[in-house]
Amino acid sequence: MPLSFVKEGEPGVIHKVGGREETRRFLEGLGFVTGGVVTVISRIGGSLIVNVRDARVAIGRDMANKILVN
């Protein structure tokens, strides 16, 4: 399921990072890599605040839809 559908506070394991090559590289640079654990901290408007690799990152809903988690 896309990261944007994960409930706040629930950890998920990243299964796949989709999108164009440049988008995947950008997200992987932020720490969104296959097998990594990501937790949605909060939602503000159309953005999500997530915890990935012990860092908090804000991403838009369109980017969150490209990150598939189990």
N, C-alpha and C. Protein backbone atom coordinates (compact mmCIF):
# COMPACT_ATOMS: atom_id res chain seq x y z
N MET A 1 0.84 -1.17 0.00
CA MET A 1 0.00 0.00 0.00
C MET A 1 0.89 1.24 0.00
N PRO A 2 0.43 2.34 -0.57
CA PRO A 2 1.23 3.57 -0.57
C PRO A 2 1.42 4.13 0.84
N LEU A 3 2.53 4.80 1.05
CA LEU A 3 2.84 5.38 2.35
C LEU A 3 1.76 6.36 2.79
N SER A 4 1.12 7.03 1.85
CA SER A 4 0.09 8.01 2.20
C SER A 4 -1.12 7.38 2.89
N PHE A 5 -1.30 6.05 2.79
CA PHE A 5 -2.43 5.37 3.42
C PHE A 5 -2.10 4.81 4.80
N VAL A 6 -0.84 4.87 5.22
CA VAL A 6 -0.43 4.33 6.52
C VAL A 6 -0.93 5.25 7.62
N LYS A 7 -1.45 4.66 8.70
CA LYS A 7 -1.94 5.44 9.83
C LYS A 7 -0.77 6.02 10.62
N GLU A 8 -1.04 7.13 11.28
CA GLU A 8 -0.01 7.78 12.09
C GLU A 8 0.45 6.85 13.21
N GLY A 9 1.76 6.79 13.41
CA GLY A 9 2.33 5.98 14.48
C GLY A 9 2.61 4.53 14.12
N GLU A 10 2.11 4.07 12.98
CA GLU A 10 2.34 2.68 12.57
C GLU A 10 3.58 2.59 11.69
N PRO A 11 4.55 1.76 12.08
CA PRO A 11 5.74 1.60 11.22
C PRO A 11 5.41 0.72 10.01
N GLY A 12 6.10 0.97 8.93
CA GLY A 12 5.95 0.15 7.73
C GLY A 12 7.31 -0.10 7.12
N VAL A 13 7.45 -1.23 6.47
CA VAL A 13 8.70 -1.57 5.79
C VAL A 13 8.56 -1.21 4.32
N ILE A 14 9.51 -0.48 3.79
CA ILE A 14 9.45 -0.03 2.40
C ILE A 14 9.65 -1.23 1.48
N HIS A 15 8.68 -1.45 0.61
CA HIS A 15 8.70 -2.57 -0.33
C HIS A 15 9.27 -2.13 -1.68
N LYS A 16 8.88 -0.92 -2.12
CA LYS A 16 9.31 -0.44 -3.43
C LYS A 16 9.21 1.08 -3.47
N VAL A 17 10.14 1.70 -4.16
CA VAL A 17 10.09 3.14 -4.41
C VAL A 17 9.88 3.31 -5.91
N GLY A 18 8.75 3.89 -6.28
CA GLY A 18 8.40 4.03 -7.69
C GLY A 18 8.70 5.42 -8.23
N GLY A 19 8.21 5.67 -9.42
CA GLY A 19 8.41 6.96 -10.06
C GLY A 19 9.55 6.93 -11.06
N ARG A 20 9.83 8.10 -11.62
CA ARG A 20 10.93 8.21 -12.57
C ARG A 20 12.27 8.05 -11.85
N GLU A 21 13.30 7.80 -12.61
CA GLU A 21 14.64 7.56 -12.05
C GLU A 21 15.09 8.70 -11.14
N GLU A 22 14.89 9.93 -11.57
CA GLU A 22 15.34 11.06 -10.75
C GLU A 22 14.54 11.16 -9.45
N THR A 23 13.26 10.80 -9.49
CA THR A 23 12.44 10.80 -8.28
C THR A 23 12.91 9.72 -7.32
N ARG A 24 13.18 8.53 -7.85
CA ARG A 24 13.67 7.43 -7.00
C ARG A 24 14.99 7.79 -6.35
N ARG A 25 15.89 8.39 -7.10
CA ARG A 25 17.19 8.78 -6.54
C ARG A 25 17.02 9.83 -5.44
N PHE A 26 16.12 10.78 -5.66
CA PHE A 26 15.86 11.81 -4.66
C PHE A 26 15.34 11.18 -3.36
N LEU A 27 14.35 10.30 -3.48
CA LEU A 27 13.77 9.66 -2.30
C LEU A 27 14.78 8.75 -1.60
N GLU A 28 15.59 8.02 -2.37
CA GLU A 28 16.61 7.17 -1.77
C GLU A 28 17.65 8.00 -1.04
N GLY A 29 17.95 9.18 -1.54
CA GLY A 29 18.88 10.09 -0.86
C GLY A 29 18.34 10.57 0.48
N LEU A 30 17.02 10.64 0.59
CA LEU A 30 16.40 11.02 1.86
C LEU A 30 16.32 9.85 2.84
N GLY A 31 16.59 8.63 2.35
CA GLY A 31 16.57 7.47 3.23
C GLY A 31 15.47 6.48 2.93
N PHE A 32 14.66 6.73 1.91
CA PHE A 32 13.58 5.81 1.55
C PHE A 32 14.13 4.72 0.64
N VAL A 33 14.68 3.67 1.25
CA VAL A 33 15.27 2.57 0.49
C VAL A 33 14.51 1.28 0.80
N THR A 34 14.52 0.36 -0.14
CA THR A 34 13.84 -0.92 0.03
C THR A 34 14.36 -1.63 1.28
N GLY A 35 13.42 -2.08 2.10
CA GLY A 35 13.78 -2.76 3.35
C GLY A 35 13.87 -1.84 4.55
N GLY A 36 13.87 -0.53 4.31
CA GLY A 36 13.94 0.44 5.41
C GLY A 36 12.61 0.57 6.12
N VAL A 37 12.65 1.01 7.36
CA VAL A 37 11.44 1.20 8.15
C VAL A 37 11.09 2.68 8.16
N VAL A 38 9.81 2.98 7.93
CA VAL A 38 9.32 4.35 7.91
C VAL A 38 8.06 4.43 8.77
N THR A 39 7.92 5.51 9.52
CA THR A 39 6.76 5.72 10.38
C THR A 39 6.18 7.10 10.10
N VAL A 40 4.86 7.18 9.88
CA VAL A 40 4.20 8.46 9.68
C VAL A 40 4.02 9.10 11.06
N ILE A 41 4.57 10.29 11.24
CA ILE A 41 4.48 11.01 12.50
C ILE A 41 3.20 11.85 12.53
N SER A 42 2.97 12.64 11.48
CA SER A 42 1.77 13.46 11.41
C SER A 42 1.47 13.86 9.98
N ARG A 43 0.28 14.40 9.79
CA ARG A 43 -0.16 14.89 8.49
C ARG A 43 -0.51 16.37 8.65
N ILE A 44 0.03 17.18 7.78
CA ILE A 44 -0.24 18.62 7.81
C ILE A 44 -0.64 19.03 6.40
N GLY A 45 -1.92 19.32 6.22
CA GLY A 45 -2.40 19.66 4.89
C GLY A 45 -2.19 18.50 3.95
N GLY A 46 -1.48 18.71 2.86
CA GLY A 46 -1.21 17.65 1.91
C GLY A 46 0.14 17.00 2.11
N SER A 47 0.82 17.33 3.20
CA SER A 47 2.16 16.79 3.47
C SER A 47 2.15 15.79 4.61
N LEU A 48 3.14 14.92 4.61
CA LEU A 48 3.31 13.95 5.68
C LEU A 48 4.66 14.20 6.33
N ILE A 49 4.70 14.15 7.64
CA ILE A 49 5.96 14.18 8.39
C ILE A 49 6.24 12.73 8.75
N VAL A 50 7.37 12.20 8.28
CA VAL A 50 7.69 10.80 8.52
C VAL A 50 9.05 10.67 9.19
N ASN A 51 9.22 9.58 9.90
CA ASN A 51 10.50 9.26 10.53
C ASN A 51 11.13 8.15 9.71
N VAL A 52 12.30 8.43 9.15
CA VAL A 52 13.02 7.44 8.35
C VAL A 52 14.50 7.59 8.68
N ARG A 53 15.16 6.47 9.00
CA ARG A 53 16.58 6.48 9.36
C ARG A 53 16.87 7.47 10.50
N ASP A 54 16.06 7.46 11.52
CA ASP A 54 16.22 8.33 12.69
C ASP A 54 16.21 9.82 12.35
N ALA A 55 15.54 10.19 11.27
CA ALA A 55 15.40 11.60 10.90
C ALA A 55 13.94 11.86 10.52
N ARG A 56 13.48 13.06 10.76
CA ARG A 56 12.13 13.44 10.37
C ARG A 56 12.20 14.17 9.03
N VAL A 57 11.34 13.74 8.11
CA VAL A 57 11.34 14.28 6.77
C VAL A 57 9.91 14.64 6.40
N ALA A 58 9.72 15.78 5.75
CA ALA A 58 8.41 16.17 5.24
C ALA A 58 8.37 15.88 3.75
N ILE A 59 7.33 15.16 3.32
CA ILE A 59 7.15 14.89 1.89
C ILE A 59 5.70 15.14 1.53
N GLY A 60 5.47 15.47 0.28
CA GLY A 60 4.13 15.70 -0.22
C GLY A 60 3.40 14.38 -0.45
N ARG A 61 2.08 14.48 -0.55
CA ARG A 61 1.27 13.29 -0.76
C ARG A 61 1.61 12.60 -2.09
N ASP A 62 1.95 13.37 -3.12
CA ASP A 62 2.30 12.76 -4.40
C ASP A 62 3.57 11.91 -4.30
N MET A 63 4.55 12.38 -3.53
CA MET A 63 5.77 11.59 -3.30
C MET A 63 5.46 10.37 -2.44
N ALA A 64 4.62 10.56 -1.42
CA ALA A 64 4.26 9.45 -0.52
C ALA A 64 3.55 8.35 -1.29
N ASN A 65 2.82 8.69 -2.33
CA ASN A 65 2.12 7.68 -3.13
C ASN A 65 3.09 6.81 -3.93
N LYS A 66 4.30 7.29 -4.14
CA LYS A 66 5.31 6.52 -4.89
C LYS A 66 6.07 5.54 -4.01
N ILE A 67 5.89 5.64 -2.67
CA ILE A 67 6.60 4.76 -1.73
C ILE A 67 5.62 3.70 -1.26
N LEU A 68 5.88 2.44 -1.63
CA LEU A 68 4.99 1.34 -1.26
C LEU A 68 5.56 0.63 -0.03
N VAL A 69 4.70 0.40 0.96
CA VAL A 69 5.11 -0.24 2.20
C VAL A 69 4.27 -1.48 2.47
N ASN A 70 4.80 -2.38 3.30
CA ASN A 70 4.06 -3.59 3.72
C ASN A 70 3.43 -3.32 5.06
